[in-house]
C-alpha atoms as a PDB file:
ATOM      1  CA  UNK A   1      -0.011  -0.156  -0.073  1.00  0.00           C
ATOM      2  CA  UNK A   2       1.198   3.618  -0.829  1.00  0.00           C
ATOM      3  CA  UNK A   3       0.158   6.840  -1.964  1.00  0.00           C
ATOM      4  CA  UNK A   4       0.226   7.314  -5.745  1.00  0.00           C
ATOM      5  CA  UNK A   5       0.282  10.224  -8.215  1.00  0.00           C
ATOM      6  CA  UNK A   6      -1.749  10.852 -11.276  1.00  0.00           C
ATOM      7  CA  UNK A   7      -0.663   9.904 -14.805  1.00  0.00           C
ATOM      8  CA  UNK A   8      -2.310  10.905 -18.009  1.00  0.00           C
ATOM      9  CA  UNK A   9      -1.191   9.495 -21.115  1.00  0.00           C
ATOM     10  CA  UNK A  10      -2.848  10.384 -24.663  1.00  0.00           C
ATOM     11  CA  UNK A  11      -3.162   7.122 -26.346  1.00  0.00           C
ATOM     12  CA  UNK A  12      -5.044   8.400 -29.596  1.00  0.00           C
ATOM     13  CA  UNK A  13      -6.404  11.046 -31.171  1.00  0.00           C
ATOM     14  CA  UNK A  14      -8.428  11.438 -34.565  1.00  0.00           C
ATOM     15  CA  UNK A  15      -5.675  11.859 -37.913  1.00  0.00           C
ATOM     16  CA  UNK A  16      -5.926  15.152 -39.864  1.00  0.00           C
ATOM     17  CA  UNK A  17      -7.928  16.696 -36.917  1.00  0.00           C
ATOM     18  CA  UNK A  18      -7.906  20.174 -38.409  1.00  0.00           C
ATOM     19  CA  UNK A  19      -8.522  18.997 -42.063  1.00  0.00           C
ATOM     20  CA  UNK A  20     -11.491  17.146 -40.707  1.00  0.00           C
ATOM     21  CA  UNK A  21     -13.206  19.808 -38.748  1.00  0.00           C
ATOM     22  CA  UNK A  22     -12.474  22.093 -41.570  1.00  0.00           C
ATOM     23  CA  UNK A  23     -14.365  19.790 -44.198  1.00  0.00           C
ATOM     24  CA  UNK A  24     -17.126  19.273 -41.717  1.00  0.00           C
ATOM     25  CA  UNK A  25     -17.677  22.642 -40.887  1.00  0.00           C
ATOM     26  CA  UNK A  26     -17.594  23.833 -44.756  1.00  0.00           C
ATOM     27  CA  UNK A  27     -20.347  21.147 -45.665  1.00  0.00           C
ATOM     28  CA  UNK A  28     -22.465  23.462 -43.660  1.00  0.00           C
ATOM     29  CA  UNK A  29     -22.203  26.309 -45.966  1.00  0.00           C
ATOM     30  CA  UNK A  30     -21.001  24.794 -49.310  1.00  0.00           C
ATOM     31  CA  UNK A  31     -22.389  23.180 -52.355  1.00  0.00           C
ATOM     32  CA  UNK A  32     -19.469  21.048 -52.453  1.00  0.00           C
ATOM     33  CA  UNK A  33     -19.130  17.464 -51.113  1.00  0.00           C
ATOM     34  CA  UNK A  34     -17.017  17.104 -47.913  1.00  0.00           C
ATOM     35  CA  UNK A  35     -15.064  14.260 -49.255  1.00  0.00           C
ATOM     36  CA  UNK A  36     -13.555  16.134 -51.970  1.00  0.00           C
ATOM     37  CA  UNK A  37     -13.453  19.566 -49.495  1.00  0.00           C
ATOM     38  CA  UNK A  38     -11.132  17.015 -47.134  1.00  0.00           C
ATOM     39  CA  UNK A  39      -8.894  16.029 -50.215  1.00  0.00           C
ATOM     40  CA  UNK A  40      -8.336  19.544 -51.437  1.00  0.00           C
ATOM     41  CA  UNK A  41      -4.810  20.145 -51.215  1.00  0.00           C
ATOM     42  CA  UNK A  42      -5.384  23.776 -52.543  1.00  0.00           C
ATOM     43  CA  UNK A  43      -6.315  24.991 -48.954  1.00  0.00           C
ATOM     44  CA  UNK A  44      -3.158  24.717 -46.937  1.00  0.00           C
ATOM     45  CA  UNK A  45      -3.184  23.649 -43.309  1.00  0.00           C
ATOM     46  CA  UNK A  46      -2.524  27.297 -42.143  1.00  0.00           C
ATOM     47  CA  UNK A  47      -5.672  28.655 -43.766  1.00  0.00           C
ATOM     48  CA  UNK A  48      -7.610  25.409 -42.402  1.00  0.00           C
ATOM     49  CA  UNK A  49      -6.165  26.390 -38.881  1.00  0.00           C
ATOM     50  CA  UNK A  50      -7.065  29.993 -39.145  1.00  0.00           C
ATOM     51  CA  UNK A  51     -10.641  28.813 -40.085  1.00  0.00           C
ATOM     52  CA  UNK A  52     -11.196  26.234 -37.503  1.00  0.00           C
ATOM     53  CA  UNK A  53      -9.865  29.255 -35.074  1.00  0.00           C
ATOM     54  CA  UNK A  54     -12.795  31.515 -36.130  1.00  0.00           C
ATOM     55  CA  UNK A  55     -15.318  28.887 -35.928  1.00  0.00           C
ATOM     56  CA  UNK A  56     -14.274  27.906 -32.279  1.00  0.00           C
ATOM     57  CA  UNK A  57     -14.404  31.625 -31.397  1.00  0.00           C
ATOM     58  CA  UNK A  58     -17.840  31.996 -33.197  1.00  0.00           C
ATOM     59  CA  UNK A  59     -19.362  29.096 -30.955  1.00  0.00           C
ATOM     60  CA  UNK A  60     -20.129  27.073 -33.638  1.00  0.00           C
ATOM     61  CA  UNK A  61     -18.742  24.084 -31.996  1.00  0.00           C
ATOM     62  CA  UNK A  62     -20.937  21.169 -33.734  1.00  0.00           C
ATOM     63  CA  UNK A  63     -17.883  20.139 -35.953  1.00  0.00           C
ATOM     64  CA  UNK A  64     -15.674  19.925 -33.229  1.00  0.00           C
ATOM     65  CA  UNK A  65     -17.595  16.688 -32.261  1.00  0.00           C
ATOM     66  CA  UNK A  66     -16.084  14.632 -35.249  1.00  0.00           C
ATOM     67  CA  UNK A  67     -12.399  14.695 -33.402  1.00  0.00           C
ATOM     68  CA  UNK A  68     -11.664  12.665 -30.400  1.00  0.00           C
ATOM     69  CA  UNK A  69      -8.838  11.976 -27.979  1.00  0.00           C
ATOM     70  CA  UNK A  70      -8.323   8.879 -25.957  1.00  0.00           C
ATOM     71  CA  UNK A  71      -6.775   8.960 -22.693  1.00  0.00           C
ATOM     72  CA  UNK A  72      -5.101   6.572 -20.214  1.00  0.00           C
ATOM     73  CA  UNK A  73      -5.189   7.733 -16.560  1.00  0.00           C
ATOM     74  CA  UNK A  74      -3.940   6.143 -13.779  1.00  0.00           C
ATOM     75  CA  UNK A  75      -3.256   7.274  -9.974  1.00  0.00           C
ATOM     76  CA  UNK A  76      -6.736   8.447  -9.336  1.00  0.00           C
ATOM     77  CA  UNK A  77      -9.347   7.930  -6.912  1.00  0.00           C
ATOM     78  CA  UNK A  78     -12.821   6.679  -7.029  1.00  0.00           C
ATOM     79  CA  UNK A  79     -14.084   9.531  -5.634  1.00  0.00           C
ATOM     80  CA  UNK A  80     -12.593  11.213  -8.998  1.00  0.00           C
ATOM     81  CA  UNK A  81     -14.121   8.891 -11.353  1.00  0.00           C
ATOM     82  CA  UNK A  82     -17.725   8.926  -9.644  1.00  0.00           C
ATOM     83  CA  UNK A  83     -17.446  12.717 -10.788  1.00  0.00           C
ATOM     84  CA  UNK A  84     -15.983  12.146 -14.091  1.00  0.00           C
ATOM     85  CA  UNK A  85     -18.386   9.525 -15.329  1.00  0.00           C
ATOM     86  CA  UNK A  86     -21.046  12.146 -14.721  1.00  0.00           C
ATOM     87  CA  UNK A  87     -19.731  13.756 -18.082  1.00  0.00           C
ATOM     88  CA  UNK A  88     -21.927  11.640 -20.384  1.00  0.00           C
ATOM     89  CA  UNK A  89     -21.110  12.167 -23.741  1.00  0.00           C
ATOM     90  CA  UNK A  90     -17.801  10.319 -23.463  1.00  0.00           C
ATOM     91  CA  UNK A  91     -16.760   6.462 -23.200  1.00  0.00           C
ATOM     92  CA  UNK A  92     -15.098   4.883 -20.279  1.00  0.00           C
ATOM     93  CA  UNK A  93     -13.302   1.603 -19.568  1.00  0.00           C
ATOM     94  CA  UNK A  94     -12.337   1.497 -15.802  1.00  0.00           C
ATOM     95  CA  UNK A  95     -10.336  -1.038 -13.931  1.00  0.00           C
ATOM     96  CA  UNK A  96     -13.040  -3.685 -12.059  1.00  0.00           C
ATOM     97  CA  UNK A  97     -12.536  -4.439  -8.483  1.00  0.00           C
ATOM     98  CA  UNK A  98     -14.876  -7.204  -9.221  1.00  0.00           C
ATOM     99  CA  UNK A  99     -12.184  -8.689 -11.465  1.00  0.00           C
ATOM    100  CA  UNK A 100      -8.892  -7.513 -10.170  1.00  0.00           C
ATOM    101  CA  UNK A 101      -8.110  -8.448  -6.605  1.00  0.00           C
ATOM    102  CA  UNK A 102      -7.152  -5.184  -4.216  1.00  0.00           C
ATOM    103  CA  UNK A 103      -4.623  -7.410  -2.482  1.00  0.00           C
ATOM    104  CA  UNK A 104      -2.529  -4.408  -1.821  1.00  0.00           C
ATOM    105  CA  UNK A 105      -4.334  -1.225  -2.848  1.00  0.00           C
ATOM    106  CA  UNK A 106      -2.767   1.816  -3.412  1.00  0.00           C
ATOM    107  CA  UNK A 107      -4.519   5.074  -2.693  1.00  0.00           C
ATOM    108  CA  UNK A 108      -4.918   9.072  -3.197  1.00  0.00           C
ATOM    109  CA  UNK A 109      -4.091  11.224  -0.315  1.00  0.00           C
ATOM    110  CA  UNK A 110      -5.781  14.400  -0.435  1.00  0.00           C
ATOM    111  CA  UNK A 111      -3.338  17.484   0.171  1.00  0.00           C
ATOM    112  CA  UNK A 112      -5.113  18.747   2.831  1.00  0.00           C
ATOM    113  CA  UNK A 113      -4.931  15.766   4.989  1.00  0.00           C
ATOM    114  CA  UNK A 114      -1.049  15.446   3.967  1.00  0.00           C
ATOM    115  CA  UNK A 115      -0.067  18.569   5.038  1.00  0.00           C
ATOM    116  CA  UNK A 116      -1.688  17.926   8.674  1.00  0.00           C
ATOM    117  CA  UNK A 117       0.555  15.527  10.419  1.00  0.00           C
ATOM    118  CA  UNK A 118      -2.176  13.653  12.746  1.00  0.00           C
ATOM    119  CA  UNK A 119      -4.679  13.756   9.765  1.00  0.00           C
ATOM    120  CA  UNK A 120      -2.198  11.952   7.747  1.00  0.00           C
ATOM    121  CA  UNK A 121      -1.623   9.493  10.373  1.00  0.00           C
ATOM    122  CA  UNK A 122      -5.124   8.753  10.960  1.00  0.00           C
ATOM    123  CA  UNK A 123      -5.741   8.318   7.270  1.00  0.00           C
ATOM    124  CA  UNK A 124      -2.899   6.088   6.769  1.00  0.00           C
ATOM    125  CA  UNK A 125      -3.822   3.805   9.849  1.00  0.00           C
ATOM    126  CA  UNK A 126      -7.542   3.322   8.257  1.00  0.00           C
ATOM    127  CA  UNK A 127      -6.023   2.591   4.892  1.00  0.00           C
ATOM    128  CA  UNK A 128      -4.264  -0.223   6.460  1.00  0.00           C
ATOM    129  CA  UNK A 129      -6.959  -1.316   8.548  1.00  0.00           C
ATOM    130  CA  UNK A 130      -9.215  -1.545   5.488  1.00  0.00           C
ATOM    131  CA  UNK A 131      -6.747  -3.567   3.661  1.00  0.00           C
ATOM    132  CA  UNK A 132      -6.491  -6.045   6.743  1.00  0.00           C
ATOM    133  CA  UNK A 133     -10.506  -6.457   6.749  1.00  0.00           C
ATOM    134  CA  UNK A 134     -10.543  -6.880   2.766  1.00  0.00           C
ATOM    135  CA  UNK A 135      -7.961  -9.455   2.884  1.00  0.00           C
ATOM    136  CA  UNK A 136      -9.716 -11.423   5.795  1.00  0.00           C
ATOM    137  CA  UNK A 137     -13.064 -11.072   4.026  1.00  0.00           C
ATOM    138  CA  UNK A 138     -11.580 -12.681   0.874  1.00  0.00           C
ATOM    139  CA  UNK A 139     -10.031 -15.469   2.926  1.00  0.00           C
ATOM    140  CA  UNK A 140     -13.386 -16.014   4.483  1.00  0.00           C
ATOM    141  CA  UNK A 141     -15.423 -15.902   1.731  1.00  0.00           C
ATOM    142  CA  UNK A 142     -13.004 -18.302  -0.063  1.00  0.00           C
ATOM    143  CA  UNK A 143     -13.465 -20.751   2.674  1.00  0.00           C
ATOM    144  CA  UNK A 144     -17.124 -20.687   1.537  1.00  0.00           C
ATOM    145  CA  UNK A 145     -16.056 -22.183  -1.930  1.00  0.00           C
ATOM    146  CA  UNK A 146     -16.998 -18.782  -3.377  1.00  0.00           C
ATOM    147  CA  UNK A 147     -14.825 -18.231  -6.814  1.00  0.00           C
ATOM    148  CA  UNK A 148     -12.721 -15.488  -6.987  1.00  0.00           C
ATOM    149  CA  UNK A 149     -14.787 -13.379  -8.856  1.00  0.00           C
ATOM    150  CA  UNK A 150     -17.639 -13.910  -6.366  1.00  0.00           C
ATOM    151  CA  UNK A 151     -15.350 -13.194  -3.333  1.00  0.00           C
ATOM    152  CA  UNK A 152     -14.026  -9.958  -4.957  1.00  0.00           C
ATOM    153  CA  UNK A 153     -17.429  -8.451  -5.776  1.00  0.00           C
ATOM    154  CA  UNK A 154     -18.638  -9.009  -2.175  1.00  0.00           C
ATOM    155  CA  UNK A 155     -15.173  -7.991  -0.466  1.00  0.00           C
ATOM    156  CA  UNK A 156     -14.993  -4.663  -2.414  1.00  0.00           C
ATOM    157  CA  UNK A 157     -17.639  -3.156  -0.598  1.00  0.00           C
ATOM    158  CA  UNK A 158     -15.423  -2.426   2.339  1.00  0.00           C
ATOM    159  CA  UNK A 159     -12.883  -0.459  -0.014  1.00  0.00           C
ATOM    160  CA  UNK A 160     -12.549   3.271   0.441  1.00  0.00           C
ATOM    161  CA  UNK A 161     -13.305   6.002  -2.444  1.00  0.00           C
ATOM    162  CA  UNK A 162      -9.360   6.753  -1.686  1.00  0.00           C
ATOM    163  CA  UNK A 163      -8.382   3.320  -3.702  1.00  0.00           C
ATOM    164  CA  UNK A 164      -6.511   4.359  -6.610  1.00  0.00           C
ATOM    165  CA  UNK A 165      -8.127   3.192  -9.995  1.00  0.00           C
ATOM    166  CA  UNK A 166      -7.406   3.172 -13.825  1.00  0.00           C
ATOM    167  CA  UNK A 167      -9.638   4.391 -16.846  1.00  0.00           C
ATOM    168  CA  UNK A 168      -9.394   4.916 -20.390  1.00  0.00           C
ATOM    169  CA  UNK A 169     -11.517   7.908 -21.363  1.00  0.00           C
ATOM    170  CA  UNK A 170     -12.314   9.241 -24.902  1.00  0.00           C
ATOM    171  CA  UNK A 171     -13.772  12.485 -25.431  1.00  0.00           C
ATOM    172  CA  UNK A 172     -14.802  14.277 -28.593  1.00  0.00           C
ATOM    173  CA  UNK A 173     -13.412  18.043 -28.689  1.00  0.00           C
ATOM    174  CA  UNK A 174     -16.734  19.516 -27.935  1.00  0.00           C
ATOM    175  CA  UNK A 175     -17.126  17.593 -24.791  1.00  0.00           C
ATOM    176  CA  UNK A 176     -13.610  18.450 -23.772  1.00  0.00           C
ATOM    177  CA  UNK A 177     -14.185  21.947 -24.082  1.00  0.00           C
ATOM    178  CA  UNK A 178     -17.276  21.555 -21.882  1.00  0.00           C
ATOM    179  CA  UNK A 179     -15.410  19.797 -19.476  1.00  0.00           C
ATOM    180  CA  UNK A 180     -12.681  22.134 -19.216  1.00  0.00           C
ATOM    181  CA  UNK A 181     -14.922  25.039 -18.790  1.00  0.00           C
ATOM    182  CA  UNK A 182     -16.419  23.370 -15.712  1.00  0.00           C
ATOM    183  CA  UNK A 183     -13.500  21.254 -13.956  1.00  0.00           C
ATOM    184  CA  UNK A 184     -10.843  23.601 -14.362  1.00  0.00           C
ATOM    185  CA  UNK A 185     -12.826  26.031 -12.600  1.00  0.00           C
ATOM    186  CA  UNK A 186     -10.902  26.801  -9.252  1.00  0.00           C
ATOM    187  CA  UNK A 187     -14.676  25.680  -7.409  1.00  0.00           C
ATOM    188  CA  UNK A 188     -14.036  22.109  -8.484  1.00  0.00           C
ATOM    189  CA  UNK A 189     -12.558  19.353  -6.482  1.00  0.00           C
ATOM    190  CA  UNK A 190      -8.809  19.553  -6.147  1.00  0.00           C
ATOM    191  CA  UNK A 191      -8.422  16.116  -7.620  1.00  0.00           C
ATOM    192  CA  UNK A 192     -10.619  16.684 -10.856  1.00  0.00           C
ATOM    193  CA  UNK A 193      -9.351  19.881 -11.327  1.00  0.00           C
ATOM    194  CA  UNK A 194      -5.681  18.449 -11.539  1.00  0.00           C
ATOM    195  CA  UNK A 195      -7.085  15.719 -13.956  1.00  0.00           C
ATOM    196  CA  UNK A 196      -8.489  18.231 -16.117  1.00  0.00           C
ATOM    197  CA  UNK A 197      -5.406  20.680 -16.409  1.00  0.00           C
ATOM    198  CA  UNK A 198      -3.277  17.432 -17.255  1.00  0.00           C
ATOM    199  CA  UNK A 199      -5.589  16.506 -19.972  1.00  0.00           C
ATOM    200  CA  UNK A 200      -6.131  20.321 -21.186  1.00  0.00           C
ATOM    201  CA  UNK A 201      -2.240  20.777 -21.399  1.00  0.00           C
ATOM    202  CA  UNK A 202      -2.206  17.782 -23.743  1.00  0.00           C
ATOM    203  CA  UNK A 203      -4.864  19.008 -25.779  1.00  0.00           C
ATOM    204  CA  UNK A 204      -3.285  22.613 -26.361  1.00  0.00           C
ATOM    205  CA  UNK A 205      -0.306  20.976 -27.200  1.00  0.00           C
ATOM    206  CA  UNK A 206      -1.831  18.594 -30.080  1.00  0.00           C
ATOM    207  CA  UNK A 207      -4.663  20.852 -31.111  1.00  0.00           C
ATOM    208  CA  UNK A 208      -4.016  24.593 -30.554  1.00  0.00           C
ATOM    209  CA  UNK A 209      -6.302  25.990 -32.681  1.00  0.00           C
ATOM    210  CA  UNK A 210      -9.500  24.198 -31.123  1.00  0.00           C
ATOM    211  CA  UNK A 211      -7.731  24.343 -27.193  1.00  0.00           C
ATOM    212  CA  UNK A 212      -5.457  27.377 -27.049  1.00  0.00           C
ATOM    213  CA  UNK A 213      -8.276  29.568 -25.232  1.00  0.00           C
ATOM    214  CA  UNK A 214      -9.793  26.641 -23.489  1.00  0.00           C
ATOM    215  CA  UNK A 215     -10.123  26.596 -19.703  1.00  0.00           C
ATOM    216  CA  UNK A 216     -12.523  27.521 -16.845  1.00  0.00           C
ATOM    217  CA  UNK A 217     -15.794  29.238 -17.904  1.00  0.00           C
ATOM    218  CA  UNK A 218     -14.879  32.514 -16.551  1.00  0.00           C
ATOM    219  CA  UNK A 219     -11.733  33.048 -18.434  1.00  0.00           C
ATOM    220  CA  UNK A 220     -13.377  33.130 -21.644  1.00  0.00           C
ATOM    221  CA  UNK A 221     -16.537  35.056 -20.195  1.00  0.00           C
ATOM    222  CA  UNK A 222     -14.234  37.373 -18.206  1.00  0.00           C
ATOM    223  CA  UNK A 223     -16.435  37.558 -14.871  1.00  0.00           C
ATOM    224  CA  UNK A 224     -17.725  34.683 -12.947  1.00  0.00           C
ATOM    225  CA  UNK A 225     -21.015  32.918 -13.565  1.00  0.00           C
ATOM    226  CA  UNK A 226     -20.900  31.386 -10.052  1.00  0.00           C
ATOM    227  CA  UNK A 227     -22.966  34.336  -8.351  1.00  0.00           C
ATOM    228  CA  UNK A 228     -21.512  36.203  -5.413  1.00  0.00           C
ATOM    229  CA  UNK A 229     -21.685  33.516  -3.085  1.00  0.00           C
ATOM    230  CA  UNK A 230     -19.351  30.978  -4.861  1.00  0.00           C
ATOM    231  CA  UNK A 231     -17.094  33.194  -6.596  1.00  0.00           C
ATOM    232  CA  UNK A 232     -13.528  32.682  -6.114  1.00  0.00           C
ATOM    233  CA  UNK A 233     -12.090  36.176  -6.636  1.00  0.00           C
ATOM    234  CA  UNK A 234     -10.360  35.374  -9.629  1.00  0.00           C
ATOM    235  CA  UNK A 235     -13.165  37.581 -11.687  1.00  0.00           C
ATOM    236  CA  UNK A 236     -15.777  39.739 -10.608  1.00  0.00           C
ATOM    237  CA  UNK A 237     -19.009  37.975 -10.555  1.00  0.00           C
ATOM    238  CA  UNK A 238     -21.806  39.262 -12.749  1.00  0.00           C
ATOM    239  CA  UNK A 239     -24.529  40.966 -10.760  1.00  0.00           C
END
């Protein structure tokens, strides 16, 4: 058992992303066939990028749905993934506690707890106790001749939200922009905000024409849409 750190890796993104968005958007306003527009070498990539930037700025986001990113994520808690899967326009494949035995589970240690020596000691003690109870339950259920899968699926009920998990996530560009608007916000829970910022950094590097100005909603608006009660102070709230 140990504290683990978050890791995010881009597995795959749509090929020819700029050209794909360009062709899809042009289809909305042109008599030409998008299949021909996609292959038209007369329109340089530089011109396509400028056009894509303009449609992103205009708010015409439906063509962005044709380009997707797939991320491998590890070193995150079940508390985070419970929030993450609420973003429904995405695909998820997460490590199963039913099929993967948590014989020595790692965990996520919240920064506020880590900064408090007494709280950290209590947290780590509890993780050790849970591990012991989980392992004992597996043994007891095994004596009842349950299969490994059956024992795992019942013993996992004692595992904490802090338990580390791994997940593969696929989102299209439009959903990613929405995800960043909400989860890069300073009011977002610290762990999912950290994940969003790591994903955003990858997206900015790979597709700046779409993501260069992405982030918390207030950055684009220039004011806080949360209202006076929840405003973090980064921007003035809108009265």
